[in-house]
Amino acid sequence: MSKEKNVFISHFGKDDEHIGKLKELMQQKGYTLRNSSIDSTKPNDASNPDYIRQLLRDRIEWAGTTIVLIGPKTHTREWVDWEIEYQR
């Protein structure tokens, strides 16, 4: 039986392809991930930093669990840093 888990997957946008792989791996372990992060399937072209922060806060709080998907350029992403630091 699959266990559903609400998650926010913090990641560098160019690593979107790996989100599906992570979901598949977790499915094999009996989990279904309900991902609230912004990715290429749910793009957002906002540019106002206050609006972006509020959008991210809402999604992180809804999820309750944050997973950080680390790739070669993750450390260069200001928003990933903010998402990690925001944790309640």
PDB file of N, CA and C in Angstrom:
ATOM      1  N   MET A   1       0.844  -1.184   0.000  1.00  0.00           N
ATOM      2  CA  MET A   1       0.000   0.000   0.000  1.00  0.00           C
ATOM      3  C   MET A   1       0.886   1.242   0.000  1.00  0.00           C
ATOM      4  N   SER A   2       0.569   2.185  -0.852  1.00  0.00           N
ATOM      5  CA  SER A   2       1.347   3.411  -0.993  1.00  0.00           C
ATOM      6  C   SER A   2       0.973   4.418   0.095  1.00  0.00           C
ATOM      7  N   LYS A   3       1.983   5.089   0.627  1.00  0.00           N
ATOM      8  CA  LYS A   3       1.769   6.157   1.606  1.00  0.00           C
ATOM      9  C   LYS A   3       1.947   7.482   0.891  1.00  0.00           C
ATOM     10  N   GLU A   4       0.931   8.343   0.965  1.00  0.00           N
ATOM     11  CA  GLU A   4       1.037   9.658   0.347  1.00  0.00           C
ATOM     12  C   GLU A   4       1.789  10.603   1.267  1.00  0.00           C
ATOM     13  N   LYS A   5       2.656  11.405   0.672  1.00  0.00           N
ATOM     14  CA  LYS A   5       3.445  12.364   1.423  1.00  0.00           C
ATOM     15  C   LYS A   5       3.435  13.681   0.675  1.00  0.00           C
ATOM     16  N   ASN A   6       3.021  14.754   1.346  1.00  0.00           N
ATOM     17  CA  ASN A   6       3.085  16.090   0.768  1.00  0.00           C
ATOM     18  C   ASN A   6       4.503  16.599   0.942  1.00  0.00           C
ATOM     19  N   VAL A   7       5.145  16.997  -0.150  1.00  0.00           N
ATOM     20  CA  VAL A   7       6.526  17.470  -0.090  1.00  0.00           C
ATOM     21  C   VAL A   7       6.698  18.723  -0.943  1.00  0.00           C
ATOM     22  N   PHE A   8       7.700  19.487  -0.591  1.00  0.00           N
ATOM     23  CA  PHE A   8       8.176  20.591  -1.415  1.00  0.00           C
ATOM     24  C   PHE A   8       9.579  20.185  -1.823  1.00  0.00           C
ATOM     25  N   ILE A   9       9.832  20.069  -3.125  1.00  0.00           N
ATOM     26  CA  ILE A   9      11.146  19.656  -3.611  1.00  0.00           C
ATOM     27  C   ILE A   9      11.896  20.897  -4.078  1.00  0.00           C
ATOM     28  N   SER A  10      12.813  21.359  -3.246  1.00  0.00           N
ATOM     29  CA  SER A  10      13.640  22.510  -3.567  1.00  0.00           C
ATOM     30  C   SER A  10      14.720  22.044  -4.538  1.00  0.00           C
ATOM     31  N   HIS A  11      14.867  22.780  -5.658  1.00  0.00           N
ATOM     32  CA  HIS A  11      15.808  22.333  -6.684  1.00  0.00           C
ATOM     33  C   HIS A  11      16.135  23.462  -7.646  1.00  0.00           C
ATOM     34  N   PHE A  12      17.200  23.299  -8.371  1.00  0.00           N
ATOM     35  CA  PHE A  12      17.583  24.190  -9.475  1.00  0.00           C
ATOM     36  C   PHE A  12      16.713  23.805 -10.659  1.00  0.00           C
ATOM     37  N   GLY A  13      16.095  24.777 -11.303  1.00  0.00           N
ATOM     38  CA  GLY A  13      15.160  24.498 -12.394  1.00  0.00           C
ATOM     39  C   GLY A  13      15.692  23.591 -13.477  1.00  0.00           C
ATOM     40  N   LYS A  14      16.975  23.659 -13.764  1.00  0.00           N
ATOM     41  CA  LYS A  14      17.559  22.810 -14.810  1.00  0.00           C
ATOM     42  C   LYS A  14      17.604  21.337 -14.389  1.00  0.00           C
ATOM     43  N   ASP A  15      17.338  21.070 -13.103  1.00  0.00           N
ATOM     44  CA  ASP A  15      17.333  19.686 -12.614  1.00  0.00           C
ATOM     45  C   ASP A  15      15.925  19.091 -12.566  1.00  0.00           C
ATOM     46  N   ASP A  16      14.957  19.752 -13.208  1.00  0.00           N
ATOM     47  CA  ASP A  16      13.571  19.268 -13.220  1.00  0.00           C
ATOM     48  C   ASP A  16      13.453  17.796 -13.586  1.00  0.00           C
ATOM     49  N   GLU A  17      14.247  17.373 -14.555  1.00  0.00           N
ATOM     50  CA  GLU A  17      14.139  15.984 -15.034  1.00  0.00           C
ATOM     51  C   GLU A  17      14.356  14.971 -13.912  1.00  0.00           C
ATOM     52  N   HIS A  18      15.083  15.354 -12.887  1.00  0.00           N
ATOM     53  CA  HIS A  18      15.385  14.428 -11.799  1.00  0.00           C
ATOM     54  C   HIS A  18      14.247  14.312 -10.782  1.00  0.00           C
ATOM     55  N   ILE A  19      13.302  15.245 -10.815  1.00  0.00           N
ATOM     56  CA  ILE A  19      12.159  15.158  -9.909  1.00  0.00           C
ATOM     57  C   ILE A  19      11.361  13.899 -10.204  1.00  0.00           C
ATOM     58  N   GLY A  20      11.126  13.624 -11.474  1.00  0.00           N
ATOM     59  CA  GLY A  20      10.403  12.411 -11.848  1.00  0.00           C
ATOM     60  C   GLY A  20      11.131  11.161 -11.397  1.00  0.00           C
ATOM     61  N   LYS A  21      12.449  11.171 -11.500  1.00  0.00           N
ATOM     62  CA  LYS A  21      13.242  10.019 -11.067  1.00  0.00           C
ATOM     63  C   LYS A  21      13.150   9.836  -9.558  1.00  0.00           C
ATOM     64  N   LEU A  22      13.161  10.953  -8.824  1.00  0.00           N
ATOM     65  CA  LEU A  22      13.012  10.883  -7.368  1.00  0.00           C
ATOM     66  C   LEU A  22      11.649  10.319  -6.991  1.00  0.00           C
ATOM     67  N   LYS A  23      10.604  10.781  -7.681  1.00  0.00           N
ATOM     68  CA  LYS A  23       9.260  10.271  -7.410  1.00  0.00           C
ATOM     69  C   LYS A  23       9.174   8.773  -7.689  1.00  0.00           C
ATOM     70  N   GLU A  24       9.795   8.334  -8.784  1.00  0.00           N
ATOM     71  CA  GLU A  24       9.794   6.904  -9.114  1.00  0.00           C
ATOM     72  C   GLU A  24      10.519   6.095  -8.038  1.00  0.00           C
ATOM     73  N   LEU A  25      11.661   6.578  -7.583  1.00  0.00           N
ATOM     74  CA  LEU A  25      12.417   5.904  -6.533  1.00  0.00           C
ATOM     75  C   LEU A  25      11.586   5.792  -5.257  1.00  0.00           C
ATOM     76  N   MET A  26      10.930   6.872  -4.878  1.00  0.00           N
ATOM     77  CA  MET A  26      10.104   6.848  -3.672  1.00  0.00           C
ATOM     78  C   MET A  26       8.891   5.941  -3.837  1.00  0.00           C
ATOM     79  N   GLN A  27       8.352   5.872  -5.062  1.00  0.00           N
ATOM     80  CA  GLN A  27       7.227   4.976  -5.339  1.00  0.00           C
ATOM     81  C   GLN A  27       7.649   3.523  -5.101  1.00  0.00           C
ATOM     82  N   GLN A  28       8.869   3.202  -5.504  1.00  0.00           N
ATOM     83  CA  GLN A  28       9.385   1.846  -5.286  1.00  0.00           C
ATOM     84  C   GLN A  28       9.504   1.526  -3.792  1.00  0.00           C
ATOM     85  N   LYS A  29       9.654   2.562  -2.975  1.00  0.00           N
ATOM     86  CA  LYS A  29       9.766   2.390  -1.519  1.00  0.00           C
ATOM     87  C   LYS A  29       8.407   2.491  -0.827  1.00  0.00           C
ATOM     88  N   GLY A  30       7.335   2.621  -1.630  1.00  0.00           N
ATOM     89  CA  GLY A  30       5.991   2.632  -1.065  1.00  0.00           C
ATOM     90  C   GLY A  30       5.412   4.013  -0.799  1.00  0.00           C
ATOM     91  N   TYR A  31       6.026   5.061  -1.329  1.00  0.00           N
ATOM     92  CA  TYR A  31       5.550   6.421  -1.118  1.00  0.00           C
ATOM     93  C   TYR A  31       5.059   7.046  -2.416  1.00  0.00           C
ATOM     94  N   THR A  32       4.001   7.808  -2.323  1.00  0.00           N
ATOM     95  CA  THR A  32       3.536   8.641  -3.415  1.00  0.00           C
ATOM     96  C   THR A  32       3.773  10.079  -2.984  1.00  0.00           C
ATOM     97  N   LEU A  33       4.605  10.797  -3.737  1.00  0.00           N
ATOM     98  CA  LEU A  33       4.927  12.176  -3.389  1.00  0.00           C
ATOM     99  C   LEU A  33       3.958  13.123  -4.074  1.00  0.00           C
ATOM    100  N   ARG A  34       3.349  13.988  -3.287  1.00  0.00           N
ATOM    101  CA  ARG A  34       2.525  15.083  -3.809  1.00  0.00           C
ATOM    102  C   ARG A  34       3.384  16.332  -3.703  1.00  0.00           C
ATOM    103  N   ASN A  35       3.945  16.763  -4.818  1.00  0.00           N
ATOM    104  CA  ASN A  35       4.952  17.815  -4.877  1.00  0.00           C
ATOM    105  C   ASN A  35       4.323  19.183  -5.096  1.00  0.00           C
ATOM    106  N   SER A  36       4.602  20.115  -4.183  1.00  0.00           N
ATOM    107  CA  SER A  36       4.054  21.468  -4.319  1.00  0.00           C
ATOM    108  C   SER A  36       5.058  22.466  -4.886  1.00  0.00           C
ATOM    109  N   SER A  37       6.253  22.022  -5.218  1.00  0.00           N
ATOM    110  CA  SER A  37       7.261  22.962  -5.720  1.00  0.00           C
ATOM    111  C   SER A  37       6.916  23.445  -7.130  1.00  0.00           C
ATOM    112  N   ILE A  38       7.595  24.490  -7.529  1.00  0.00           N
ATOM    113  CA  ILE A  38       7.409  25.041  -8.863  1.00  0.00           C
ATOM    114  C   ILE A  38       8.413  24.357  -9.784  1.00  0.00           C
ATOM    115  N   ASP A  39       7.911  23.709 -10.814  1.00  0.00           N
ATOM    116  CA  ASP A  39       8.799  23.047 -11.773  1.00  0.00           C
ATOM    117  C   ASP A  39       8.260  23.291 -13.179  1.00  0.00           C
ATOM    118  N   SER A  40       8.842  22.651 -14.146  1.00  0.00           N
ATOM    119  CA  SER A  40       8.462  22.911 -15.537  1.00  0.00           C
ATOM    120  C   SER A  40       7.023  22.489 -15.850  1.00  0.00           C
ATOM    121  N   THR A  41       6.431  21.641 -15.021  1.00  0.00           N
ATOM    122  CA  THR A  41       5.034  21.264 -15.246  1.00  0.00           C
ATOM    123  C   THR A  41       4.079  22.312 -14.690  1.00  0.00           C
ATOM    124  N   LYS A  42       4.588  23.173 -13.782  1.00  0.00           N
ATOM    125  CA  LYS A  42       3.792  24.257 -13.190  1.00  0.00           C
ATOM    126  C   LYS A  42       4.636  25.529 -13.192  1.00  0.00           C
ATOM    127  N   PRO A  43       5.004  26.037 -14.343  1.00  0.00           N
ATOM    128  CA  PRO A  43       5.917  27.188 -14.386  1.00  0.00           C
ATOM    129  C   PRO A  43       5.295  28.449 -13.795  1.00  0.00           C
ATOM    130  N   ASN A  44       6.154  29.343 -13.338  1.00  0.00           N
ATOM    131  CA  ASN A  44       5.722  30.622 -12.804  1.00  0.00           C
ATOM    132  C   ASN A  44       6.742  31.665 -13.256  1.00  0.00           C
ATOM    133  N   ASP A  45       6.285  32.693 -13.929  1.00  0.00           N
ATOM    134  CA  ASP A  45       7.182  33.718 -14.462  1.00  0.00           C
ATOM    135  C   ASP A  45       7.213  34.977 -13.598  1.00  0.00           C
ATOM    136  N   ALA A  46       6.845  34.850 -12.327  1.00  0.00           N
ATOM    137  CA  ALA A  46       6.823  36.012 -11.437  1.00  0.00           C
ATOM    138  C   ALA A  46       8.229  36.591 -11.290  1.00  0.00           C
ATOM    139  N   SER A  47       8.297  37.907 -11.098  1.00  0.00           N
ATOM    140  CA  SER A  47       9.596  38.540 -10.906  1.00  0.00           C
ATOM    141  C   SER A  47       9.654  39.380  -9.632  1.00  0.00           C
ATOM    142  N   ASN A  48       8.516  39.602  -8.976  1.00  0.00           N
ATOM    143  CA  ASN A  48       8.473  40.371  -7.745  1.00  0.00           C
ATOM    144  C   ASN A  48       8.941  39.492  -6.580  1.00  0.00           C
ATOM    145  N   PRO A  49      10.077  39.821  -5.942  1.00  0.00           N
ATOM    146  CA  PRO A  49      10.625  38.973  -4.879  1.00  0.00           C
ATOM    147  C   PRO A  49       9.664  38.738  -3.706  1.00  0.00           C
ATOM    148  N   ASP A  50       8.891  39.766  -3.323  1.00  0.00           N
ATOM    149  CA  ASP A  50       7.941  39.585  -2.215  1.00  0.00           C
ATOM    150  C   ASP A  50       6.848  38.594  -2.582  1.00  0.00           C
ATOM    151  N   TYR A  51       6.362  38.689  -3.812  1.00  0.00           N
ATOM    152  CA  TYR A  51       5.343  37.757  -4.283  1.00  0.00           C
ATOM    153  C   TYR A  51       5.902  36.334  -4.340  1.00  0.00           C
ATOM    154  N   ILE A  52       7.116  36.187  -4.856  1.00  0.00           N
ATOM    155  CA  ILE A  52       7.746  34.868  -4.953  1.00  0.00           C
ATOM    156  C   ILE A  52       7.921  34.259  -3.568  1.00  0.00           C
ATOM    157  N   ARG A  53       8.401  35.061  -2.611  1.00  0.00           N
ATOM    158  CA  ARG A  53       8.578  34.545  -1.239  1.00  0.00           C
ATOM    159  C   ARG A  53       7.254  34.059  -0.662  1.00  0.00           C
ATOM    160  N   GLN A  54       6.172  34.822  -0.869  1.00  0.00           N
ATOM    161  CA  GLN A  54       4.875  34.405  -0.337  1.00  0.00           C
ATOM    162  C   GLN A  54       4.390  33.127  -1.016  1.00  0.00           C
ATOM    163  N   LEU A  55       4.571  33.048  -2.312  1.00  0.00           N
ATOM    164  CA  LEU A  55       4.190  31.848  -3.049  1.00  0.00           C
ATOM    165  C   LEU A  55       4.948  30.628  -2.518  1.00  0.00           C
ATOM    166  N   LEU A  56       6.256  30.782  -2.328  1.00  0.00           N
ATOM    167  CA  LEU A  56       7.068  29.678  -1.814  1.00  0.00           C
ATOM    168  C   LEU A  56       6.673  29.320  -0.388  1.00  0.00           C
ATOM    169  N   ARG A  57       6.451  30.338   0.468  1.00  0.00           N
ATOM    170  CA  ARG A  57       6.027  30.072   1.858  1.00  0.00           C
ATOM    171  C   ARG A  57       4.773  29.212   1.879  1.00  0.00           C
ATOM    172  N   ASP A  58       3.776  29.604   1.089  1.00  0.00           N
ATOM    173  CA  ASP A  58       2.514  28.857   1.054  1.00  0.00           C
ATOM    174  C   ASP A  58       2.734  27.405   0.646  1.00  0.00           C
ATOM    175  N   ARG A  59       3.566  27.186  -0.344  1.00  0.00           N
ATOM    176  CA  ARG A  59       3.808  25.827  -0.839  1.00  0.00           C
ATOM    177  C   ARG A  59       4.627  24.993   0.162  1.00  0.00           C
ATOM    178  N   ILE A  60       5.615  25.628   0.784  1.00  0.00           N
ATOM    179  CA  ILE A  60       6.435  24.927   1.778  1.00  0.00           C
ATOM    180  C   ILE A  60       5.586  24.553   2.991  1.00  0.00           C
ATOM    181  N   GLU A  61       4.768  25.487   3.453  1.00  0.00           N
ATOM    182  CA  GLU A  61       3.927  25.218   4.622  1.00  0.00           C
ATOM    183  C   GLU A  61       2.884  24.147   4.319  1.00  0.00           C
ATOM    184  N   TRP A  62       2.301  24.167   3.120  1.00  0.00           N
ATOM    185  CA  TRP A  62       1.323  23.140   2.752  1.00  0.00           C
ATOM    186  C   TRP A  62       1.968  21.761   2.809  1.00  0.00           C
ATOM    187  N   ALA A  63       3.179  21.670   2.302  1.00  0.00           N
ATOM    188  CA  ALA A  63       3.848  20.374   2.198  1.00  0.00           C
ATOM    189  C   ALA A  63       4.232  19.824   3.566  1.00  0.00           C
ATOM    190  N   GLY A  64       4.796  20.653   4.408  1.00  0.00           N
ATOM    191  CA  GLY A  64       5.237  20.174   5.714  1.00  0.00           C
ATOM    192  C   GLY A  64       6.586  19.483   5.690  1.00  0.00           C
ATOM    193  N   THR A  65       6.994  18.956   4.538  1.00  0.00           N
ATOM    194  CA  THR A  65       8.290  18.288   4.391  1.00  0.00           C
ATOM    195  C   THR A  65       8.980  18.864   3.155  1.00  0.00           C
ATOM    196  N   THR A  66      10.250  19.221   3.319  1.00  0.00           N
ATOM    197  CA  THR A  66      11.021  19.728   2.198  1.00  0.00           C
ATOM    198  C   THR A  66      12.145  18.764   1.879  1.00  0.00           C
ATOM    199  N   ILE A  67      12.294  18.468   0.609  1.00  0.00           N
ATOM    200  CA  ILE A  67      13.397  17.662   0.103  1.00  0.00           C
ATOM    201  C   ILE A  67      14.237  18.583  -0.762  1.00  0.00           C
ATOM    202  N   VAL A  68      15.547  18.574  -0.570  1.00  0.00           N
ATOM    203  CA  VAL A  68      16.427  19.382  -1.409  1.00  0.00           C
ATOM    204  C   VAL A  68      17.109  18.459  -2.405  1.00  0.00           C
ATOM    205  N   LEU A  69      16.811  18.666  -3.675  1.00  0.00           N
ATOM    206  CA  LEU A  69      17.412  17.892  -4.754  1.00  0.00           C
ATOM    207  C   LEU A  69      18.709  18.598  -5.145  1.00  0.00           C
ATOM    208  N   ILE A  70      19.819  17.951  -4.898  1.00  0.00           N
ATOM    209  CA  ILE A  70      21.117  18.585  -5.102  1.00  0.00           C
ATOM    210  C   ILE A  70      21.743  18.119  -6.411  1.00  0.00           C
ATOM    211  N   GLY A  71      22.117  19.091  -7.226  1.00  0.00           N
ATOM    212  CA  GLY A  71      22.796  18.838  -8.480  1.00  0.00           C
ATOM    213  C   GLY A  71      24.058  19.680  -8.543  1.00  0.00           C
ATOM    214  N   PRO A  72      24.760  19.648  -9.655  1.00  0.00           N
ATOM    215  CA  PRO A  72      26.042  20.350  -9.771  1.00  0.00           C
ATOM    216  C   PRO A  72      25.951  21.864  -9.595  1.00  0.00           C
ATOM    217  N   LYS A  73      24.799  22.466  -9.867  1.00  0.00           N
ATOM    218  CA  LYS A  73      24.692  23.929  -9.781  1.00  0.00           C
ATOM    219  C   LYS A  73      23.735  24.401  -8.687  1.00  0.00           C
ATOM    220  N   THR A  74      23.230  23.500  -7.868  1.00  0.00           N
ATOM    221  CA  THR A  74      22.271  23.878  -6.831  1.00  0.00           C
ATOM    222  C   THR A  74      22.823  24.985  -5.939  1.00  0.00           C
ATOM    223  N   HIS A  75      24.089  24.911  -5.614  1.00  0.00           N
ATOM    224  CA  HIS A  75      24.697  25.882  -4.701  1.00  0.00           C
ATOM    225  C   HIS A  75      24.707  27.307  -5.258  1.00  0.00           C
ATOM    226  N   THR A  76      24.411  27.471  -6.531  1.00  0.00           N
ATOM    227  CA  THR A  76      24.419  28.805  -7.138  1.00  0.00           C
ATOM    228  C   THR A  76      23.038  29.454  -7.140  1.00  0.00           C
ATOM    229  N   ARG A  77      22.040  28.786  -6.624  1.00  0.00           N
ATOM    230  CA  ARG A  77      20.664  29.259  -6.735  1.00  0.00           C
ATOM    231  C   ARG A  77      20.203  29.961  -5.458  1.00  0.00           C
ATOM    232  N   GLU A  78      20.010  31.260  -5.556  1.00  0.00           N
ATOM    233  CA  GLU A  78      19.587  32.078  -4.417  1.00  0.00           C
ATOM    234  C   GLU A  78      18.258  31.606  -3.824  1.00  0.00           C
ATOM    235  N   TRP A  79      17.316  31.222  -4.683  1.00  0.00           N
ATOM    236  CA  TRP A  79      16.010  30.798  -4.171  1.00  0.00           C
ATOM    237  C   TRP A  79      16.086  29.465  -3.447  1.00  0.00           C
ATOM    238  N   VAL A  80      16.944  28.568  -3.870  1.00  0.00           N
ATOM    239  CA  VAL A  80      17.118  27.304  -3.139  1.00  0.00           C
ATOM    240  C   VAL A  80      17.645  27.616  -1.737  1.00  0.00           C
ATOM    241  N   ASP A  81      18.619  28.516  -1.639  1.00  0.00           N
ATOM    242  CA  ASP A  81      19.132  28.917  -0.318  1.00  0.00           C
ATOM    243  C   ASP A  81      18.002  29.468   0.544  1.00  0.00           C
ATOM    244  N   TRP A  82      17.174  30.322  -0.035  1.00  0.00           N
ATOM    245  CA  TRP A  82      16.072  30.911   0.722  1.00  0.00           C
ATOM    246  C   TRP A  82      15.096  29.836   1.190  1.00  0.00           C
ATOM    247  N   GLU A  83      14.772  28.887   0.313  1.00  0.00           N
ATOM    248  CA  GLU A  83      13.835  27.813   0.671  1.00  0.00           C
ATOM    249  C   GLU A  83      14.366  26.978   1.827  1.00  0.00           C
ATOM    250  N   ILE A  84      15.658  26.706   1.825  1.00  0.00           N
ATOM    251  CA  ILE A  84      16.261  25.935   2.911  1.00  0.00           C
ATOM    252  C   ILE A  84      16.221  26.725   4.214  1.00  0.00           C
ATOM    253  N   GLU A  85      16.581  27.997   4.138  1.00  0.00           N
ATOM    254  CA  GLU A  85      16.601  28.830   5.337  1.00  0.00           C
ATOM    255  C   GLU A  85      15.220  29.110   5.891  1.00  0.00           C
ATOM    256  N   TYR A  86      14.195  29.072   5.065  1.00  0.00           N
ATOM    257  CA  TYR A  86      12.835  29.404   5.494  1.00  0.00           C
ATOM    258  C   TYR A  86      12.247  28.370   6.453  1.00  0.00           C
ATOM    259  N   GLN A  87      12.686  27.160   6.424  1.00  0.00           N
ATOM    260  CA  GLN A  87      12.062  26.073   7.189  1.00  0.00           C
ATOM    261  C   GLN A  87      11.606  26.545   8.560  1.00  0.00           C
ATOM    262  N   ARG A  88      10.393  26.192   8.893  1.00  0.00           N
ATOM    263  CA  ARG A  88       9.782  26.622  10.154  1.00  0.00           C
ATOM    264  C   ARG A  88      10.487  26.083  11.351  1.00  0.00           C
TER     265      ARG A  88
END
